[in-house]
Amino acid sequence: QAVHRVAARLIASDDRVDVFELAAFHVLGRHLTDQRNAAASAGSGIHSLAPLRSEAELVLSAVAWSGAGDADAAKAAFNEGVRGLPGSVGAVRLRDGGAIDLEDVDAALERLRRAAPGVRRRLLTACADAVTHDAEIRVAEVEMLRAVAEALDCPMPPVAVPGLTPAFVTTVP
């Protein structure tokens, strides 16, 4: 727990969180904090995204902002992702990029990880839809998608998108 707390302070030291930091923070939490491992292994078998609406909204917002240059781009990505969610989830809205907190995303991912495999698959598919909505996949978006997949215990191989050439993959700081 002490290592996890120190990691959180180090990540916060430059007032920005990149995808690597988010992924590292979550992995540290999963593997170093006994409480999280016990809760995750118990699994609640949540079979619907409806009780996880807030968590899904937060994670999908983080994914949408990961490749967005501005609020309009984030909104377009988010809306595409939402189309893949079942209607039973209810109303969701894009969170403000500046209000997305590392520890909140980490907690949301931990709760989502306890959902049934089909629920996690739906959310991961919605995140992939958000990433690919504009046919321009940035490295940060793919890294974020992979971080979410790992956090949900749905590791994914390197992403290959039919119809996209390497010229469409750009590096976004």
Protein backbone atom coordinates (compact mmCIF):
# COMPACT_ATOMS: atom_id res chain seq x y z
CA GLN A 1 0.00 0.00 0.00
CA ALA A 2 2.90 2.35 0.71
CA VAL A 3 4.36 1.74 -2.76
CA HIS A 4 0.94 2.41 -4.27
CA ARG A 5 0.63 5.70 -2.34
CA VAL A 6 4.13 6.79 -3.41
CA ALA A 7 3.31 5.95 -7.03
CA ALA A 8 0.21 8.14 -6.80
CA ARG A 9 2.27 11.05 -5.48
CA LEU A 10 4.92 10.61 -8.18
CA ILE A 11 2.29 10.51 -10.91
CA ALA A 12 0.61 13.63 -9.52
CA SER A 13 3.89 15.55 -9.24
CA ASP A 14 3.73 17.01 -12.77
CA ASP A 15 -0.03 17.75 -12.69
CA ARG A 16 -0.80 15.46 -15.62
CA VAL A 17 -1.47 11.76 -16.04
CA ASP A 18 -0.46 9.93 -19.18
CA VAL A 19 -1.65 6.52 -20.27
CA PHE A 20 1.46 4.71 -19.05
CA GLU A 21 1.05 6.22 -15.60
CA LEU A 22 -2.61 5.19 -15.48
CA ALA A 23 -1.78 1.63 -16.51
CA ALA A 24 1.16 1.36 -14.11
CA PHE A 25 -0.89 2.75 -11.23
CA HIS A 26 -3.67 0.26 -11.84
CA VAL A 27 -1.33 -2.72 -12.19
CA LEU A 28 0.47 -1.74 -8.98
CA GLY A 29 -2.84 -1.50 -7.20
CA ARG A 30 -3.97 -4.88 -8.43
CA HIS A 31 -0.77 -6.69 -7.61
CA LEU A 32 0.47 -4.92 -4.49
CA THR A 33 -2.71 -4.20 -2.56
CA ASP A 34 -4.11 -7.32 -0.91
CA GLN A 35 -7.51 -5.73 -0.39
CA ARG A 36 -7.99 -5.10 -4.12
CA ASN A 37 -6.84 -8.58 -5.06
CA ALA A 38 -9.26 -10.14 -2.56
CA ALA A 39 -12.18 -8.04 -3.76
CA ALA A 40 -11.46 -8.73 -7.40
CA SER A 41 -10.99 -12.46 -6.94
CA ALA A 42 -14.26 -12.71 -5.03
CA GLY A 43 -16.12 -11.30 -8.04
CA SER A 44 -19.66 -10.13 -7.69
CA GLY A 45 -20.79 -11.45 -11.05
CA ILE A 46 -22.52 -8.24 -12.06
CA HIS A 47 -24.42 -9.17 -15.23
CA SER A 48 -25.44 -5.72 -16.44
CA LEU A 49 -23.76 -2.38 -17.04
CA ALA A 50 -26.71 -0.57 -15.42
CA PRO A 51 -25.33 -0.75 -11.85
CA LEU A 52 -21.92 0.25 -13.27
CA ARG A 53 -23.20 3.26 -15.24
CA SER A 54 -21.02 5.80 -13.43
CA GLU A 55 -17.92 3.64 -13.80
CA ALA A 56 -18.58 2.99 -17.49
CA GLU A 57 -19.16 6.71 -18.06
CA LEU A 58 -15.87 7.60 -16.37
CA VAL A 59 -13.77 5.00 -18.20
CA LEU A 60 -15.35 5.76 -21.57
CA SER A 61 -14.73 9.48 -20.94
CA ALA A 62 -11.07 8.80 -20.16
CA VAL A 63 -10.73 6.78 -23.36
CA ALA A 64 -12.47 9.49 -25.41
CA TRP A 65 -10.15 12.19 -24.06
CA SER A 66 -7.02 10.05 -24.60
CA GLY A 67 -6.90 10.84 -28.32
CA ALA A 68 -8.88 14.04 -28.46
CA GLY A 69 -7.37 17.35 -29.43
CA ASP A 70 -10.38 19.28 -28.15
CA ALA A 71 -13.79 18.92 -26.53
CA ASP A 72 -15.59 18.35 -29.86
CA ALA A 73 -13.29 15.44 -30.73
CA ALA A 74 -13.71 13.93 -27.28
CA LYS A 75 -17.50 14.28 -27.54
CA ALA A 76 -17.55 12.58 -30.96
CA ALA A 77 -15.43 9.69 -29.68
CA PHE A 78 -17.54 9.36 -26.53
CA ASN A 79 -20.80 9.37 -28.49
CA GLU A 80 -19.52 6.62 -30.79
CA GLY A 81 -18.59 4.53 -27.78
CA VAL A 82 -21.99 5.09 -26.15
CA ARG A 83 -23.71 3.68 -29.25
CA GLY A 84 -22.21 0.30 -28.34
CA LEU A 85 -23.59 0.30 -24.83
CA PRO A 86 -26.94 -1.34 -24.07
CA GLY A 87 -29.86 1.02 -23.49
CA SER A 88 -30.28 -0.36 -19.98
CA VAL A 89 -27.17 1.58 -18.94
CA GLY A 90 -29.18 4.79 -18.89
CA ALA A 91 -28.07 8.31 -19.68
CA VAL A 92 -24.33 8.86 -19.71
CA ARG A 93 -22.40 12.03 -20.41
CA LEU A 94 -18.85 12.89 -21.30
CA ARG A 95 -16.94 13.97 -18.22
CA ASP A 96 -14.76 17.06 -18.36
CA GLY A 97 -11.20 16.00 -19.22
CA GLY A 98 -9.75 18.09 -16.41
CA ALA A 99 -12.04 16.43 -13.88
CA ILE A 100 -10.96 12.86 -14.66
CA ASP A 101 -8.97 11.75 -11.64
CA LEU A 102 -6.46 8.89 -11.69
CA GLU A 103 -7.71 7.30 -8.50
CA ASP A 104 -11.35 7.55 -9.63
CA VAL A 105 -10.54 5.82 -12.94
CA ASP A 106 -8.57 3.18 -11.07
CA ALA A 107 -11.48 2.51 -8.70
CA ALA A 108 -13.92 2.39 -11.62
CA LEU A 109 -11.76 -0.13 -13.46
CA GLU A 110 -11.51 -2.26 -10.32
CA ARG A 111 -15.29 -2.35 -9.93
CA LEU A 112 -15.81 -3.04 -13.64
CA ARG A 113 -13.29 -5.88 -13.43
CA ARG A 114 -15.67 -7.72 -11.11
CA ALA A 115 -18.44 -7.73 -13.71
CA ALA A 116 -19.31 -10.79 -15.75
CA PRO A 117 -17.18 -11.39 -18.88
CA GLY A 118 -19.97 -10.33 -21.25
CA VAL A 119 -20.36 -7.01 -19.45
CA ARG A 120 -16.61 -6.34 -19.60
CA ARG A 121 -16.61 -7.28 -23.30
CA ARG A 122 -19.38 -4.79 -24.05
CA LEU A 123 -17.53 -1.99 -22.31
CA LEU A 124 -14.24 -2.85 -24.02
CA THR A 125 -16.02 -2.91 -27.39
CA ALA A 126 -17.52 0.51 -26.65
CA CYS A 127 -14.03 1.80 -25.80
CA ALA A 128 -12.68 0.36 -29.06
CA ASP A 129 -15.50 2.07 -30.95
CA ALA A 130 -14.53 5.38 -29.33
CA VAL A 131 -10.89 4.89 -30.34
CA THR A 132 -11.68 3.99 -33.95
CA HIS A 133 -14.56 6.40 -34.58
CA ASP A 134 -12.58 8.80 -36.78
CA ALA A 135 -10.37 6.20 -38.55
CA GLU A 136 -7.33 7.96 -37.10
CA ILE A 137 -5.88 5.89 -34.32
CA ARG A 138 -3.28 7.60 -32.17
CA VAL A 139 -0.71 5.75 -30.12
CA ALA A 140 -2.14 7.24 -26.91
CA GLU A 141 -5.58 5.86 -27.78
CA VAL A 142 -4.29 2.37 -28.43
CA GLU A 143 -2.25 2.45 -25.22
CA MET A 144 -5.32 3.56 -23.29
CA LEU A 145 -7.42 0.82 -24.86
CA ARG A 146 -4.82 -1.78 -23.96
CA ALA A 147 -4.62 -0.42 -20.40
CA VAL A 148 -8.39 -0.71 -20.03
CA ALA A 149 -8.32 -4.23 -21.50
CA GLU A 150 -5.61 -5.30 -19.05
CA ALA A 151 -7.46 -3.74 -16.13
CA LEU A 152 -10.60 -5.66 -17.09
CA ASP A 153 -8.65 -8.91 -17.38
CA CYS A 154 -9.27 -8.92 -21.12
CA PRO A 155 -5.72 -8.63 -22.49
CA MET A 156 -5.64 -7.88 -26.17
CA PRO A 157 -3.02 -8.53 -28.83
CA PRO A 158 -1.51 -5.69 -30.86
CA VAL A 159 -4.31 -3.77 -32.52
CA ALA A 160 -4.74 -4.21 -36.24
CA VAL A 161 -7.58 -2.26 -37.84
CA PRO A 162 -8.61 -3.33 -41.35
CA GLY A 163 -8.40 -0.50 -43.87
CA LEU A 164 -5.95 1.60 -41.91
CA THR A 165 -2.43 2.02 -43.10
CA PRO A 166 0.52 2.98 -40.89
CA ALA A 167 0.20 6.52 -42.25
CA PHE A 168 -2.96 6.92 -40.16
CA VAL A 169 -1.23 6.04 -36.91
CA THR A 170 0.19 9.19 -35.41
CA THR A 171 2.01 9.96 -32.23
CA VAL A 172 0.20 12.42 -30.03
CA PRO A 173 2.09 13.77 -27.02
